[in-house]
Amino acid sequence: MPLVTKRLRDPDVNPCLSESDASTRCMDENNYDREMCTTCFLKYKNCRKFWNAIMMERRRNGVKPPMPTAAEREKILGAMGKMPY
């Protein structure tokens, strides 16, 4: 597997891995009819927006690494009580 693909499949690097997989699975199941997968695409887009905002805030505050690890993300989502996207 190429290095780029490995990085995208790493849950510590890609916070929206499950949303990405759901979008791909939806496209496969619906013969690549994009209209059938609109909800999956919106979830993925909102996920990326949410974690990008978190990453930008952490960069502004000087927190390293800018993207929280998978364990930190679980704590953040747990503190919110529900999925924000």
N, C-alpha and C. Protein backbone atom coordinates (compact mmCIF):
# COMPACT_ATOMS: atom_id res chain seq x y z
N MET A 1 0.85 -1.17 0.00
CA MET A 1 0.00 0.00 0.00
C MET A 1 0.90 1.24 0.00
N PRO A 2 0.64 2.21 -0.88
CA PRO A 2 1.46 3.43 -0.92
C PRO A 2 1.39 4.20 0.40
N LEU A 3 2.43 4.96 0.68
CA LEU A 3 2.54 5.70 1.94
C LEU A 3 1.38 6.68 2.11
N VAL A 4 0.98 7.36 1.04
CA VAL A 4 -0.12 8.32 1.13
C VAL A 4 -1.41 7.61 1.53
N THR A 5 -1.65 6.46 0.95
CA THR A 5 -2.84 5.69 1.28
C THR A 5 -2.80 5.23 2.73
N LYS A 6 -1.63 4.79 3.19
CA LYS A 6 -1.50 4.38 4.59
C LYS A 6 -1.82 5.53 5.53
N ARG A 7 -1.34 6.73 5.20
CA ARG A 7 -1.60 7.89 6.05
C ARG A 7 -3.09 8.20 6.09
N LEU A 8 -3.78 8.12 4.95
CA LEU A 8 -5.20 8.43 4.92
C LEU A 8 -6.03 7.37 5.65
N ARG A 9 -5.51 6.16 5.76
CA ARG A 9 -6.22 5.09 6.47
C ARG A 9 -5.88 5.07 7.96
N ASP A 10 -4.96 5.91 8.40
CA ASP A 10 -4.55 5.96 9.80
C ASP A 10 -5.55 6.80 10.59
N PRO A 11 -6.21 6.22 11.60
CA PRO A 11 -7.20 6.98 12.37
C PRO A 11 -6.61 8.16 13.14
N ASP A 12 -5.30 8.14 13.41
CA ASP A 12 -4.69 9.29 14.08
C ASP A 12 -4.50 10.47 13.13
N VAL A 13 -4.45 10.21 11.84
CA VAL A 13 -4.24 11.26 10.84
C VAL A 13 -5.57 11.73 10.27
N ASN A 14 -6.46 10.80 9.98
CA ASN A 14 -7.73 11.12 9.33
C ASN A 14 -8.88 11.00 10.32
N PRO A 15 -9.40 12.13 10.82
CA PRO A 15 -10.47 12.06 11.82
C PRO A 15 -11.81 11.65 11.21
N CYS A 16 -11.94 11.71 9.91
CA CYS A 16 -13.22 11.42 9.24
C CYS A 16 -13.16 10.11 8.46
N LEU A 17 -12.41 9.16 8.97
CA LEU A 17 -12.22 7.89 8.28
C LEU A 17 -13.55 7.15 8.11
N SER A 18 -14.35 7.09 9.15
CA SER A 18 -15.62 6.34 9.05
C SER A 18 -16.57 7.03 8.07
N GLU A 19 -16.60 8.37 8.05
CA GLU A 19 -17.46 9.09 7.11
C GLU A 19 -16.98 8.89 5.67
N SER A 20 -15.67 8.86 5.50
CA SER A 20 -15.10 8.63 4.18
C SER A 20 -15.45 7.23 3.68
N ASP A 21 -15.31 6.24 4.56
CA ASP A 21 -15.65 4.87 4.21
C ASP A 21 -17.13 4.73 3.88
N ALA A 22 -17.99 5.43 4.65
CA ALA A 22 -19.43 5.36 4.40
C ALA A 22 -19.77 5.95 3.04
N SER A 23 -19.11 7.04 2.66
CA SER A 23 -19.35 7.64 1.35
C SER A 23 -18.93 6.70 0.23
N THR A 24 -17.77 6.10 0.37
CA THR A 24 -17.28 5.16 -0.64
C THR A 24 -18.20 3.95 -0.75
N ARG A 25 -18.60 3.42 0.41
CA ARG A 25 -19.49 2.27 0.42
C ARG A 25 -20.83 2.61 -0.24
N CYS A 26 -21.36 3.78 0.04
CA CYS A 26 -22.63 4.22 -0.55
C CYS A 26 -22.51 4.31 -2.06
N MET A 27 -21.41 4.88 -2.53
CA MET A 27 -21.21 4.99 -3.98
C MET A 27 -21.13 3.60 -4.62
N ASP A 28 -20.44 2.68 -3.97
CA ASP A 28 -20.33 1.32 -4.50
C ASP A 28 -21.70 0.64 -4.55
N GLU A 29 -22.49 0.81 -3.50
CA GLU A 29 -23.79 0.13 -3.42
C GLU A 29 -24.82 0.72 -4.37
N ASN A 30 -24.66 1.99 -4.74
CA ASN A 30 -25.65 2.67 -5.57
C ASN A 30 -25.15 2.95 -6.99
N ASN A 31 -24.22 2.14 -7.45
CA ASN A 31 -23.69 2.27 -8.82
C ASN A 31 -23.23 3.69 -9.14
N TYR A 32 -22.59 4.31 -8.19
CA TYR A 32 -21.98 5.64 -8.34
C TYR A 32 -22.99 6.72 -8.72
N ASP A 33 -24.21 6.59 -8.20
CA ASP A 33 -25.23 7.63 -8.35
C ASP A 33 -25.06 8.60 -7.18
N ARG A 34 -24.48 9.75 -7.45
CA ARG A 34 -24.14 10.72 -6.40
C ARG A 34 -25.37 11.20 -5.63
N GLU A 35 -26.51 11.29 -6.29
CA GLU A 35 -27.71 11.80 -5.62
C GLU A 35 -28.16 10.87 -4.50
N MET A 36 -27.88 9.60 -4.61
CA MET A 36 -28.28 8.63 -3.59
C MET A 36 -27.41 8.74 -2.33
N CYS A 37 -26.26 9.40 -2.45
CA CYS A 37 -25.30 9.44 -1.34
C CYS A 37 -25.12 10.85 -0.77
N THR A 38 -26.05 11.73 -1.01
CA THR A 38 -25.91 13.11 -0.58
C THR A 38 -25.72 13.23 0.93
N THR A 39 -26.46 12.44 1.72
CA THR A 39 -26.33 12.54 3.17
C THR A 39 -24.93 12.12 3.63
N CYS A 40 -24.39 11.08 3.01
CA CYS A 40 -23.03 10.64 3.37
C CYS A 40 -22.01 11.73 3.04
N PHE A 41 -22.18 12.36 1.88
CA PHE A 41 -21.26 13.42 1.48
C PHE A 41 -21.34 14.60 2.44
N LEU A 42 -22.55 14.96 2.86
CA LEU A 42 -22.71 16.08 3.78
C LEU A 42 -22.10 15.78 5.15
N LYS A 43 -22.27 14.54 5.62
CA LYS A 43 -21.65 14.15 6.89
C LYS A 43 -20.13 14.27 6.80
N TYR A 44 -19.57 13.79 5.68
CA TYR A 44 -18.12 13.86 5.51
C TYR A 44 -17.66 15.32 5.45
N LYS A 45 -18.37 16.13 4.70
CA LYS A 45 -18.01 17.54 4.55
C LYS A 45 -18.08 18.26 5.91
N ASN A 46 -19.13 18.00 6.68
CA ASN A 46 -19.27 18.63 7.99
C ASN A 46 -18.22 18.13 8.96
N CYS A 47 -17.86 16.86 8.86
CA CYS A 47 -16.79 16.30 9.68
C CYS A 47 -15.47 17.02 9.40
N ARG A 48 -15.15 17.16 8.12
CA ARG A 48 -13.90 17.84 7.75
C ARG A 48 -13.90 19.29 8.23
N LYS A 49 -15.02 19.99 8.09
CA LYS A 49 -15.11 21.38 8.56
C LYS A 49 -14.88 21.45 10.07
N PHE A 50 -15.54 20.55 10.81
CA PHE A 50 -15.42 20.55 12.27
C PHE A 50 -13.98 20.34 12.72
N TRP A 51 -13.34 19.28 12.20
CA TRP A 51 -11.98 18.98 12.64
C TRP A 51 -10.97 19.98 12.10
N ASN A 52 -11.23 20.57 10.95
CA ASN A 52 -10.35 21.62 10.44
C ASN A 52 -10.41 22.84 11.35
N ALA A 53 -11.60 23.19 11.84
CA ALA A 53 -11.73 24.32 12.77
C ALA A 53 -10.99 24.04 14.07
N ILE A 54 -11.09 22.80 14.56
CA ILE A 54 -10.35 22.41 15.78
C ILE A 54 -8.85 22.53 15.53
N MET A 55 -8.40 22.05 14.38
CA MET A 55 -6.98 22.09 14.05
C MET A 55 -6.48 23.54 13.96
N MET A 56 -7.26 24.41 13.32
CA MET A 56 -6.86 25.81 13.21
C MET A 56 -6.77 26.47 14.58
N GLU A 57 -7.73 26.17 15.45
CA GLU A 57 -7.72 26.73 16.80
C GLU A 57 -6.50 26.25 17.58
N ARG A 58 -6.18 24.98 17.46
CA ARG A 58 -5.00 24.45 18.16
C ARG A 58 -3.72 25.07 17.63
N ARG A 59 -3.64 25.32 16.33
CA ARG A 59 -2.46 25.98 15.76
C ARG A 59 -2.32 27.40 16.31
N ARG A 60 -3.46 28.13 16.35
CA ARG A 60 -3.43 29.50 16.88
C ARG A 60 -2.97 29.52 18.33
N ASN A 61 -3.36 28.50 19.10
CA ASN A 61 -3.01 28.44 20.51
C ASN A 61 -1.64 27.79 20.75
N GLY A 62 -0.99 27.35 19.68
CA GLY A 62 0.34 26.77 19.82
C GLY A 62 0.35 25.34 20.33
N VAL A 63 -0.76 24.63 20.23
CA VAL A 63 -0.85 23.25 20.71
C VAL A 63 -0.27 22.32 19.64
N LYS A 64 0.58 21.40 20.07
CA LYS A 64 1.17 20.41 19.17
C LYS A 64 0.69 19.04 19.57
N PRO A 65 0.38 18.16 18.69
CA PRO A 65 0.19 18.34 17.25
C PRO A 65 -1.13 19.08 16.98
N PRO A 66 -1.21 19.73 15.83
CA PRO A 66 -2.42 20.50 15.53
C PRO A 66 -3.68 19.62 15.45
N MET A 67 -3.56 18.42 14.89
CA MET A 67 -4.71 17.51 14.82
C MET A 67 -4.68 16.61 16.05
N PRO A 68 -5.75 16.60 16.84
CA PRO A 68 -5.78 15.73 18.01
C PRO A 68 -5.66 14.26 17.59
N THR A 69 -5.06 13.46 18.45
CA THR A 69 -4.97 12.02 18.18
C THR A 69 -6.36 11.40 18.28
N ALA A 70 -6.49 10.17 17.87
CA ALA A 70 -7.78 9.49 17.92
C ALA A 70 -8.33 9.45 19.34
N ALA A 71 -7.47 9.21 20.32
CA ALA A 71 -7.91 9.16 21.72
C ALA A 71 -8.39 10.53 22.19
N GLU A 72 -7.67 11.58 21.81
CA GLU A 72 -8.09 12.93 22.18
C GLU A 72 -9.41 13.30 21.52
N ARG A 73 -9.58 12.88 20.27
CA ARG A 73 -10.84 13.18 19.57
C ARG A 73 -12.02 12.51 20.25
N GLU A 74 -11.82 11.28 20.73
CA GLU A 74 -12.89 10.59 21.46
C GLU A 74 -13.29 11.37 22.70
N LYS A 75 -12.29 11.91 23.41
CA LYS A 75 -12.58 12.70 24.61
C LYS A 75 -13.33 13.98 24.25
N ILE A 76 -12.92 14.64 23.18
CA ILE A 76 -13.58 15.87 22.74
C ILE A 76 -15.03 15.59 22.39
N LEU A 77 -15.26 14.53 21.61
CA LEU A 77 -16.64 14.19 21.23
C LEU A 77 -17.45 13.75 22.44
N GLY A 78 -16.83 13.04 23.37
CA GLY A 78 -17.52 12.62 24.59
C GLY A 78 -17.93 13.79 25.43
N ALA A 79 -17.09 14.81 25.50
CA ALA A 79 -17.40 16.01 26.28
C ALA A 79 -18.55 16.79 25.65
N MET A 80 -18.70 16.69 24.35
CA MET A 80 -19.79 17.40 23.66
C MET A 80 -21.12 16.68 23.86
N GLY A 81 -21.08 15.38 24.12
CA GLY A 81 -22.29 14.63 24.36
C GLY A 81 -22.96 14.09 23.11
N LYS A 82 -22.69 14.69 21.96
CA LYS A 82 -23.29 14.20 20.71
C LYS A 82 -22.34 14.55 19.57
N MET A 83 -22.60 13.95 18.43
CA MET A 83 -21.77 14.24 17.26
C MET A 83 -22.13 15.63 16.73
N PRO A 84 -21.16 16.49 16.57
CA PRO A 84 -21.45 17.83 16.07
C PRO A 84 -21.66 17.89 14.57
N TYR A 85 -21.50 16.78 13.90
CA TYR A 85 -21.67 16.76 12.44
C TYR A 85 -22.50 15.59 12.02
